[in-house]
Amino acid sequence: MIALERNQQSDDDLESRTTRLRILKSRYTGDVGMACALVYDKETGRLSEYEDNEMLNSADEEVIPF
């Protein structure tokens, strides 16, 4: 089970365009936690993977390789 989350009301433009992928349940491995972050590009309309470990680890969680 995968969840998507983002802070739409953030004053920071990058933060408000960043969506985090969180693994809620993995039947095969049992891993849970943050998987990656995606940033929306307003000009192209595409999501790209965002690799800022500081932003991903804001909740002091282990990042799961996806």
N, C-alpha and C. Protein backbone atom coordinates (compact mmCIF):
# COMPACT_ATOMS: atom_id res chain seq x y z
N MET A 1 0.85 -1.16 0.00
CA MET A 1 0.00 0.00 0.00
C MET A 1 0.91 1.23 0.00
N ILE A 2 0.60 2.16 -0.89
CA ILE A 2 1.41 3.37 -1.05
C ILE A 2 0.54 4.59 -0.81
N ALA A 3 1.08 5.58 -0.10
CA ALA A 3 0.36 6.84 0.14
C ALA A 3 1.16 7.99 -0.45
N LEU A 4 0.45 9.00 -0.93
CA LEU A 4 1.06 10.24 -1.41
C LEU A 4 0.65 11.36 -0.46
N GLU A 5 1.60 12.21 -0.10
CA GLU A 5 1.29 13.31 0.81
C GLU A 5 2.06 14.56 0.40
N ARG A 6 1.45 15.72 0.62
CA ARG A 6 2.16 16.98 0.39
C ARG A 6 1.50 18.09 1.19
N ASN A 7 2.25 19.17 1.41
CA ASN A 7 1.77 20.31 2.16
C ASN A 7 1.39 21.41 1.16
N GLN A 8 0.14 21.46 0.77
CA GLN A 8 -0.33 22.42 -0.22
C GLN A 8 -0.31 23.85 0.29
N GLN A 9 -0.34 24.04 1.59
CA GLN A 9 -0.45 25.38 2.16
C GLN A 9 0.89 25.96 2.61
N SER A 10 1.98 25.32 2.25
CA SER A 10 3.30 25.80 2.65
C SER A 10 3.61 27.13 1.95
N ASP A 11 4.31 28.01 2.66
CA ASP A 11 4.73 29.29 2.09
C ASP A 11 5.91 29.10 1.12
N ASP A 12 6.65 28.02 1.30
CA ASP A 12 7.78 27.70 0.43
C ASP A 12 7.25 27.06 -0.86
N ASP A 13 7.57 27.66 -2.02
CA ASP A 13 7.07 27.17 -3.30
C ASP A 13 7.50 25.73 -3.57
N LEU A 14 8.77 25.41 -3.32
CA LEU A 14 9.27 24.06 -3.55
C LEU A 14 8.55 23.05 -2.66
N GLU A 15 8.37 23.39 -1.40
CA GLU A 15 7.68 22.51 -0.45
C GLU A 15 6.24 22.24 -0.89
N SER A 16 5.55 23.25 -1.38
CA SER A 16 4.15 23.07 -1.78
C SER A 16 4.01 22.26 -3.07
N ARG A 17 5.08 22.18 -3.87
CA ARG A 17 5.04 21.39 -5.10
C ARG A 17 5.62 20.00 -4.92
N THR A 18 6.09 19.66 -3.71
CA THR A 18 6.74 18.38 -3.45
C THR A 18 5.75 17.38 -2.86
N THR A 19 5.67 16.21 -3.51
CA THR A 19 4.82 15.12 -3.05
C THR A 19 5.73 14.00 -2.55
N ARG A 20 5.43 13.47 -1.38
CA ARG A 20 6.23 12.39 -0.81
C ARG A 20 5.49 11.06 -0.98
N LEU A 21 6.24 10.03 -1.37
CA LEU A 21 5.70 8.68 -1.47
C LEU A 21 6.05 7.94 -0.20
N ARG A 22 5.06 7.41 0.48
CA ARG A 22 5.27 6.68 1.73
C ARG A 22 4.73 5.27 1.56
N ILE A 23 5.54 4.28 1.92
CA ILE A 23 5.11 2.88 1.90
C ILE A 23 4.42 2.60 3.23
N LEU A 24 3.13 2.29 3.17
CA LEU A 24 2.37 2.00 4.38
C LEU A 24 2.43 0.53 4.73
N LYS A 25 2.50 -0.31 3.69
CA LYS A 25 2.52 -1.75 3.94
C LYS A 25 3.12 -2.45 2.73
N SER A 26 4.11 -3.30 2.96
CA SER A 26 4.69 -4.11 1.91
C SER A 26 4.54 -5.56 2.31
N ARG A 27 3.71 -6.27 1.61
CA ARG A 27 3.47 -7.68 1.95
C ARG A 27 4.71 -8.54 1.75
N TYR A 28 5.56 -8.15 0.80
CA TYR A 28 6.70 -8.99 0.44
C TYR A 28 7.90 -8.78 1.36
N THR A 29 8.20 -7.54 1.72
CA THR A 29 9.40 -7.27 2.51
C THR A 29 9.11 -6.82 3.94
N GLY A 30 7.93 -6.28 4.18
CA GLY A 30 7.59 -5.78 5.50
C GLY A 30 8.10 -4.38 5.77
N ASP A 31 8.74 -3.75 4.77
CA ASP A 31 9.27 -2.39 4.93
C ASP A 31 8.14 -1.37 4.95
N VAL A 32 8.31 -0.34 5.75
CA VAL A 32 7.38 0.80 5.78
C VAL A 32 8.21 2.07 5.93
N GLY A 33 7.67 3.21 5.45
CA GLY A 33 8.36 4.49 5.60
C GLY A 33 8.44 5.24 4.29
N MET A 34 9.26 6.30 4.27
CA MET A 34 9.42 7.15 3.10
C MET A 34 10.13 6.40 1.98
N ALA A 35 9.63 6.55 0.74
CA ALA A 35 10.27 5.92 -0.40
C ALA A 35 11.01 6.95 -1.23
N CYS A 36 10.34 8.05 -1.60
CA CYS A 36 10.99 9.10 -2.39
C CYS A 36 10.12 10.35 -2.36
N ALA A 37 10.59 11.39 -3.01
CA ALA A 37 9.83 12.62 -3.14
C ALA A 37 9.78 13.00 -4.61
N LEU A 38 8.65 13.56 -5.04
CA LEU A 38 8.45 13.98 -6.42
C LEU A 38 8.12 15.46 -6.42
N VAL A 39 8.70 16.21 -7.37
CA VAL A 39 8.45 17.63 -7.48
C VAL A 39 7.71 17.89 -8.79
N TYR A 40 6.64 18.69 -8.70
CA TYR A 40 5.84 19.04 -9.86
C TYR A 40 6.46 20.24 -10.56
N ASP A 41 6.68 20.13 -11.86
CA ASP A 41 7.21 21.23 -12.66
C ASP A 41 6.04 21.91 -13.35
N LYS A 42 5.78 23.17 -12.98
CA LYS A 42 4.63 23.90 -13.51
C LYS A 42 4.71 24.12 -15.02
N GLU A 43 5.92 24.28 -15.54
CA GLU A 43 6.09 24.56 -16.97
C GLU A 43 5.82 23.34 -17.84
N THR A 44 6.27 22.16 -17.41
CA THR A 44 6.11 20.96 -18.23
C THR A 44 4.92 20.11 -17.80
N GLY A 45 4.44 20.30 -16.56
CA GLY A 45 3.34 19.50 -16.05
C GLY A 45 3.77 18.10 -15.65
N ARG A 46 5.06 17.91 -15.39
CA ARG A 46 5.58 16.58 -15.05
C ARG A 46 6.07 16.52 -13.61
N LEU A 47 6.06 15.29 -13.08
CA LEU A 47 6.65 15.02 -11.77
C LEU A 47 8.04 14.44 -11.98
N SER A 48 9.00 14.93 -11.23
CA SER A 48 10.37 14.43 -11.28
C SER A 48 10.80 14.05 -9.89
N GLU A 49 11.66 13.02 -9.80
CA GLU A 49 12.14 12.61 -8.48
C GLU A 49 13.03 13.70 -7.90
N TYR A 50 12.83 13.99 -6.63
CA TYR A 50 13.59 15.02 -5.92
C TYR A 50 14.49 14.32 -4.93
N GLU A 51 15.79 14.57 -5.01
CA GLU A 51 16.74 13.83 -4.19
C GLU A 51 17.44 14.72 -3.18
N ASP A 52 16.66 15.36 -2.32
CA ASP A 52 17.22 16.14 -1.22
C ASP A 52 16.98 15.35 0.05
N ASN A 53 18.01 14.71 0.56
CA ASN A 53 17.86 13.84 1.73
C ASN A 53 17.37 14.60 2.96
N GLU A 54 17.69 15.89 3.06
CA GLU A 54 17.25 16.67 4.20
C GLU A 54 15.72 16.78 4.22
N MET A 55 15.12 17.01 3.05
CA MET A 55 13.67 17.12 2.97
C MET A 55 13.00 15.76 3.20
N LEU A 56 13.60 14.70 2.65
CA LEU A 56 13.03 13.37 2.81
C LEU A 56 13.07 12.91 4.26
N ASN A 57 14.12 13.26 4.96
CA ASN A 57 14.29 12.80 6.33
C ASN A 57 13.77 13.79 7.36
N SER A 58 12.85 14.66 6.96
CA SER A 58 12.34 15.66 7.88
C SER A 58 11.63 15.04 9.08
N ALA A 59 11.13 13.83 8.92
CA ALA A 59 10.45 13.15 10.02
C ALA A 59 11.38 12.18 10.73
N ASP A 60 12.68 12.27 10.45
CA ASP A 60 13.69 11.38 11.05
C ASP A 60 13.36 9.92 10.84
N GLU A 61 12.97 9.59 9.62
CA GLU A 61 12.65 8.21 9.26
C GLU A 61 13.70 7.67 8.31
N GLU A 62 13.79 6.37 8.25
CA GLU A 62 14.66 5.74 7.28
C GLU A 62 14.00 5.80 5.91
N VAL A 63 14.77 6.16 4.88
CA VAL A 63 14.24 6.22 3.52
C VAL A 63 14.41 4.85 2.89
N ILE A 64 13.32 4.31 2.38
CA ILE A 64 13.32 2.97 1.77
C ILE A 64 13.69 3.08 0.31
N PRO A 65 14.67 2.32 -0.18
CA PRO A 65 14.98 2.35 -1.61
C PRO A 65 13.79 1.83 -2.40
N PHE A 66 13.38 2.55 -3.40
CA PHE A 66 12.17 2.20 -4.16
C PHE A 66 12.53 1.75 -5.52
